[in-house]
Amino acid sequence: MDVTINRDENKFLLARNGMKYFWLFYILFILGLLSKILSRQLHLASDVVLEYQMIFFAPFILYFLYYLTIGRKKYLILEEDHENIFNS
């Protein structure tokens, strides 16, 4: 990001997360962990447990792989902060 600042001027940048649906995939990850714990308690077959884990873990892993590869420029959003309390 190019920023041009004059000699007696202050500008503030706002940095924010570009990962919009992180909370949803975090919940999927937690559900994947819970499925492993519940499968031990219910004595389910290992192939059924693997299917449930793939349902929960695959989207979680693919989401982060997207931001590590194709969406790497969308991971962090930098913009000028016009509402900063120190901005006069």
N, C-alpha and C. Protein backbone atom coordinates (compact mmCIF):
# COMPACT_ATOMS: atom_id res chain seq x y z
N MET A 1 0.85 -1.17 0.00
CA MET A 1 0.00 0.00 0.00
C MET A 1 0.90 1.23 0.00
N ASP A 2 0.69 2.11 -0.92
CA ASP A 2 1.43 3.36 -0.99
C ASP A 2 0.72 4.41 -0.16
N VAL A 3 1.50 5.09 0.67
CA VAL A 3 0.96 6.15 1.52
C VAL A 3 1.78 7.41 1.29
N THR A 4 1.09 8.49 0.98
CA THR A 4 1.76 9.77 0.78
C THR A 4 1.37 10.69 1.94
N ILE A 5 2.40 11.19 2.61
CA ILE A 5 2.17 12.06 3.77
C ILE A 5 2.99 13.33 3.57
N ASN A 6 2.34 14.47 3.75
CA ASN A 6 3.04 15.75 3.68
C ASN A 6 3.81 15.99 4.97
N ARG A 7 4.63 17.00 4.98
CA ARG A 7 5.56 17.24 6.08
C ARG A 7 4.85 17.42 7.43
N ASP A 8 3.84 18.24 7.55
CA ASP A 8 3.17 18.50 8.83
C ASP A 8 1.80 17.83 8.89
N GLU A 9 1.74 16.62 8.45
CA GLU A 9 0.46 15.91 8.38
C GLU A 9 0.58 14.56 9.08
N ASN A 10 -0.46 14.18 9.76
CA ASN A 10 -0.54 12.86 10.39
C ASN A 10 -1.64 12.04 9.72
N LYS A 11 -1.34 10.81 9.42
CA LYS A 11 -2.34 9.89 8.88
C LYS A 11 -2.27 8.60 9.67
N PHE A 12 -3.40 7.96 9.82
CA PHE A 12 -3.48 6.72 10.58
C PHE A 12 -4.01 5.62 9.67
N LEU A 13 -3.43 4.45 9.82
CA LEU A 13 -3.87 3.28 9.06
C LEU A 13 -4.66 2.35 9.97
N LEU A 14 -5.67 1.75 9.41
CA LEU A 14 -6.48 0.77 10.11
C LEU A 14 -6.16 -0.59 9.50
N ALA A 15 -5.70 -1.50 10.32
CA ALA A 15 -5.42 -2.87 9.87
C ALA A 15 -6.49 -3.78 10.46
N ARG A 16 -7.12 -4.56 9.59
CA ARG A 16 -8.15 -5.48 10.08
C ARG A 16 -8.06 -6.81 9.36
N ASN A 17 -8.71 -7.77 9.95
CA ASN A 17 -8.69 -9.14 9.45
C ASN A 17 -9.60 -9.26 8.23
N GLY A 18 -9.10 -9.91 7.19
CA GLY A 18 -9.89 -10.11 5.99
C GLY A 18 -10.61 -11.45 5.97
N MET A 19 -10.41 -12.26 6.98
CA MET A 19 -11.04 -13.59 7.03
C MET A 19 -12.45 -13.43 7.59
N LYS A 20 -13.43 -13.38 6.69
CA LYS A 20 -14.79 -13.04 7.07
C LYS A 20 -15.48 -14.11 7.92
N TYR A 21 -15.32 -15.35 7.59
CA TYR A 21 -16.10 -16.41 8.23
C TYR A 21 -15.25 -17.29 9.14
N PHE A 22 -14.26 -16.70 9.77
CA PHE A 22 -13.36 -17.46 10.62
C PHE A 22 -14.11 -18.16 11.75
N TRP A 23 -15.06 -17.49 12.38
CA TRP A 23 -15.79 -18.05 13.51
C TRP A 23 -16.55 -19.31 13.11
N LEU A 24 -17.10 -19.35 11.90
CA LEU A 24 -17.84 -20.53 11.44
C LEU A 24 -16.91 -21.73 11.31
N PHE A 25 -15.74 -21.53 10.76
CA PHE A 25 -14.80 -22.64 10.58
C PHE A 25 -14.15 -23.05 11.90
N TYR A 26 -14.06 -22.12 12.81
CA TYR A 26 -13.58 -22.46 14.15
C TYR A 26 -14.58 -23.38 14.84
N ILE A 27 -15.87 -23.11 14.67
CA ILE A 27 -16.91 -23.98 15.23
C ILE A 27 -16.85 -25.37 14.60
N LEU A 28 -16.61 -25.43 13.28
CA LEU A 28 -16.47 -26.73 12.61
C LEU A 28 -15.29 -27.51 13.17
N PHE A 29 -14.20 -26.82 13.46
CA PHE A 29 -13.03 -27.48 14.04
C PHE A 29 -13.37 -28.05 15.42
N ILE A 30 -14.06 -27.28 16.23
CA ILE A 30 -14.45 -27.75 17.56
C ILE A 30 -15.40 -28.95 17.45
N LEU A 31 -16.32 -28.91 16.50
CA LEU A 31 -17.23 -30.04 16.30
C LEU A 31 -16.46 -31.29 15.86
N GLY A 32 -15.43 -31.10 15.05
CA GLY A 32 -14.59 -32.23 14.65
C GLY A 32 -13.90 -32.87 15.84
N LEU A 33 -13.42 -32.04 16.75
CA LEU A 33 -12.79 -32.57 17.97
C LEU A 33 -13.82 -33.27 18.86
N LEU A 34 -14.99 -32.68 18.97
CA LEU A 34 -16.03 -33.31 19.79
C LEU A 34 -16.51 -34.63 19.20
N SER A 35 -16.52 -34.72 17.86
CA SER A 35 -16.93 -35.98 17.25
C SER A 35 -15.96 -37.11 17.60
N LYS A 36 -14.69 -36.78 17.71
CA LYS A 36 -13.70 -37.78 18.10
C LYS A 36 -13.93 -38.24 19.54
N ILE A 37 -14.21 -37.30 20.43
CA ILE A 37 -14.45 -37.64 21.83
C ILE A 37 -15.74 -38.43 21.99
N LEU A 38 -16.80 -38.00 21.30
CA LEU A 38 -18.08 -38.70 21.39
C LEU A 38 -18.02 -40.09 20.80
N SER A 39 -17.22 -40.26 19.75
CA SER A 39 -17.11 -41.58 19.12
C SER A 39 -16.48 -42.60 20.08
N ARG A 40 -15.57 -42.14 20.90
CA ARG A 40 -14.98 -43.04 21.89
C ARG A 40 -15.99 -43.39 22.98
N GLN A 41 -16.80 -42.44 23.36
CA GLN A 41 -17.79 -42.69 24.39
C GLN A 41 -18.91 -43.61 23.90
N LEU A 42 -19.29 -43.46 22.61
CA LEU A 42 -20.38 -44.26 22.05
C LEU A 42 -19.90 -45.54 21.38
N HIS A 43 -18.59 -45.75 21.34
CA HIS A 43 -17.98 -46.94 20.74
C HIS A 43 -18.43 -47.13 19.29
N LEU A 44 -18.31 -46.05 18.50
CA LEU A 44 -18.67 -46.11 17.08
C LEU A 44 -17.54 -46.74 16.27
N ALA A 45 -17.89 -47.24 15.10
CA ALA A 45 -16.88 -47.83 14.21
C ALA A 45 -15.95 -46.74 13.70
N SER A 46 -14.70 -47.09 13.45
CA SER A 46 -13.70 -46.10 13.07
C SER A 46 -13.97 -45.48 11.71
N ASP A 47 -14.62 -46.22 10.77
CA ASP A 47 -14.91 -45.64 9.47
C ASP A 47 -15.99 -44.57 9.56
N VAL A 48 -16.95 -44.73 10.46
CA VAL A 48 -17.99 -43.72 10.66
C VAL A 48 -17.38 -42.47 11.27
N VAL A 49 -16.48 -42.67 12.20
CA VAL A 49 -15.81 -41.54 12.86
C VAL A 49 -14.98 -40.76 11.85
N LEU A 50 -14.28 -41.46 10.97
CA LEU A 50 -13.46 -40.80 9.96
C LEU A 50 -14.32 -39.96 9.02
N GLU A 51 -15.50 -40.45 8.66
CA GLU A 51 -16.39 -39.69 7.80
C GLU A 51 -16.84 -38.40 8.49
N TYR A 52 -17.18 -38.49 9.75
CA TYR A 52 -17.59 -37.29 10.49
C TYR A 52 -16.44 -36.31 10.62
N GLN A 53 -15.27 -36.79 10.87
CA GLN A 53 -14.13 -35.90 10.99
C GLN A 53 -13.82 -35.22 9.67
N MET A 54 -13.95 -35.92 8.57
CA MET A 54 -13.71 -35.30 7.26
C MET A 54 -14.75 -34.22 6.97
N ILE A 55 -15.99 -34.45 7.40
CA ILE A 55 -17.04 -33.45 7.20
C ILE A 55 -16.70 -32.16 7.94
N PHE A 56 -16.15 -32.28 9.14
CA PHE A 56 -15.85 -31.11 9.94
C PHE A 56 -14.47 -30.51 9.65
N PHE A 57 -13.46 -31.34 9.46
CA PHE A 57 -12.09 -30.83 9.31
C PHE A 57 -11.76 -30.37 7.89
N ALA A 58 -12.32 -30.99 6.87
CA ALA A 58 -11.98 -30.63 5.49
C ALA A 58 -12.30 -29.17 5.17
N PRO A 59 -13.50 -28.66 5.47
CA PRO A 59 -13.74 -27.23 5.18
C PRO A 59 -12.82 -26.31 5.97
N PHE A 60 -12.51 -26.68 7.21
CA PHE A 60 -11.62 -25.89 8.05
C PHE A 60 -10.23 -25.79 7.41
N ILE A 61 -9.71 -26.90 6.95
CA ILE A 61 -8.38 -26.93 6.34
C ILE A 61 -8.38 -26.19 5.00
N LEU A 62 -9.42 -26.40 4.18
CA LEU A 62 -9.49 -25.74 2.88
C LEU A 62 -9.62 -24.23 3.02
N TYR A 63 -10.34 -23.78 4.03
CA TYR A 63 -10.48 -22.34 4.26
C TYR A 63 -9.13 -21.68 4.55
N PHE A 64 -8.33 -22.31 5.39
CA PHE A 64 -7.03 -21.74 5.70
C PHE A 64 -6.05 -21.90 4.56
N LEU A 65 -6.17 -22.98 3.78
CA LEU A 65 -5.32 -23.13 2.60
C LEU A 65 -5.62 -22.05 1.57
N TYR A 66 -6.87 -21.64 1.47
CA TYR A 66 -7.23 -20.56 0.55
C TYR A 66 -6.48 -19.29 0.92
N TYR A 67 -6.49 -18.93 2.20
CA TYR A 67 -5.82 -17.69 2.62
C TYR A 67 -4.30 -17.82 2.62
N LEU A 68 -3.78 -19.02 2.60
CA LEU A 68 -2.33 -19.20 2.48
C LEU A 68 -1.86 -19.20 1.03
N THR A 69 -2.77 -19.39 0.08
CA THR A 69 -2.38 -19.49 -1.33
C THR A 69 -3.06 -18.41 -2.17
N ILE A 70 -4.23 -18.69 -2.68
CA ILE A 70 -4.92 -17.80 -3.61
C ILE A 70 -5.33 -16.48 -2.95
N GLY A 71 -5.87 -16.54 -1.75
CA GLY A 71 -6.37 -15.35 -1.08
C GLY A 71 -5.36 -14.67 -0.18
N ARG A 72 -4.08 -14.83 -0.45
CA ARG A 72 -3.05 -14.28 0.44
C ARG A 72 -3.08 -12.75 0.48
N LYS A 73 -3.58 -12.11 -0.57
CA LYS A 73 -3.64 -10.65 -0.58
C LYS A 73 -4.93 -10.14 0.07
N LYS A 74 -5.82 -11.03 0.43
CA LYS A 74 -7.07 -10.65 1.08
C LYS A 74 -7.04 -10.95 2.58
N TYR A 75 -5.96 -11.49 3.06
CA TYR A 75 -5.85 -11.89 4.47
C TYR A 75 -5.84 -10.70 5.41
N LEU A 76 -5.16 -9.66 5.03
CA LEU A 76 -5.03 -8.47 5.84
C LEU A 76 -5.50 -7.27 5.04
N ILE A 77 -6.36 -6.45 5.62
CA ILE A 77 -6.89 -5.28 4.93
C ILE A 77 -6.34 -4.03 5.61
N LEU A 78 -5.66 -3.21 4.84
CA LEU A 78 -5.13 -1.93 5.32
C LEU A 78 -5.87 -0.81 4.62
N GLU A 79 -6.34 0.15 5.42
CA GLU A 79 -7.02 1.31 4.85
C GLU A 79 -6.79 2.51 5.75
N GLU A 80 -7.00 3.69 5.20
CA GLU A 80 -6.82 4.91 5.98
C GLU A 80 -7.93 5.02 7.01
N ASP A 81 -7.56 5.35 8.23
CA ASP A 81 -8.51 5.46 9.34
C ASP A 81 -8.91 6.92 9.51
N HIS A 82 -10.11 7.25 9.04
CA HIS A 82 -10.61 8.62 9.14
C HIS A 82 -11.27 8.89 10.50
N GLU A 83 -11.61 7.85 11.23
CA GLU A 83 -12.33 7.99 12.50
C GLU A 83 -11.43 7.82 13.72
N ASN A 84 -10.13 7.92 13.55
CA ASN A 84 -9.20 7.77 14.65
C ASN A 84 -9.36 8.91 15.65
N ILE A 85 -9.33 8.62 16.93
CA ILE A 85 -9.54 9.65 17.94
C ILE A 85 -8.39 10.66 18.00
N PHE A 86 -7.23 10.28 17.50
CA PHE A 86 -6.08 11.19 17.51
C PHE A 86 -6.02 12.03 16.24
N ASN A 87 -6.92 11.77 15.30
CA ASN A 87 -6.95 12.49 14.05
C ASN A 87 -7.57 13.87 14.31
N SER A 88 -6.85 14.90 13.99
CA SER A 88 -7.38 16.25 14.28
C SER A 88 -7.72 17.01 13.02
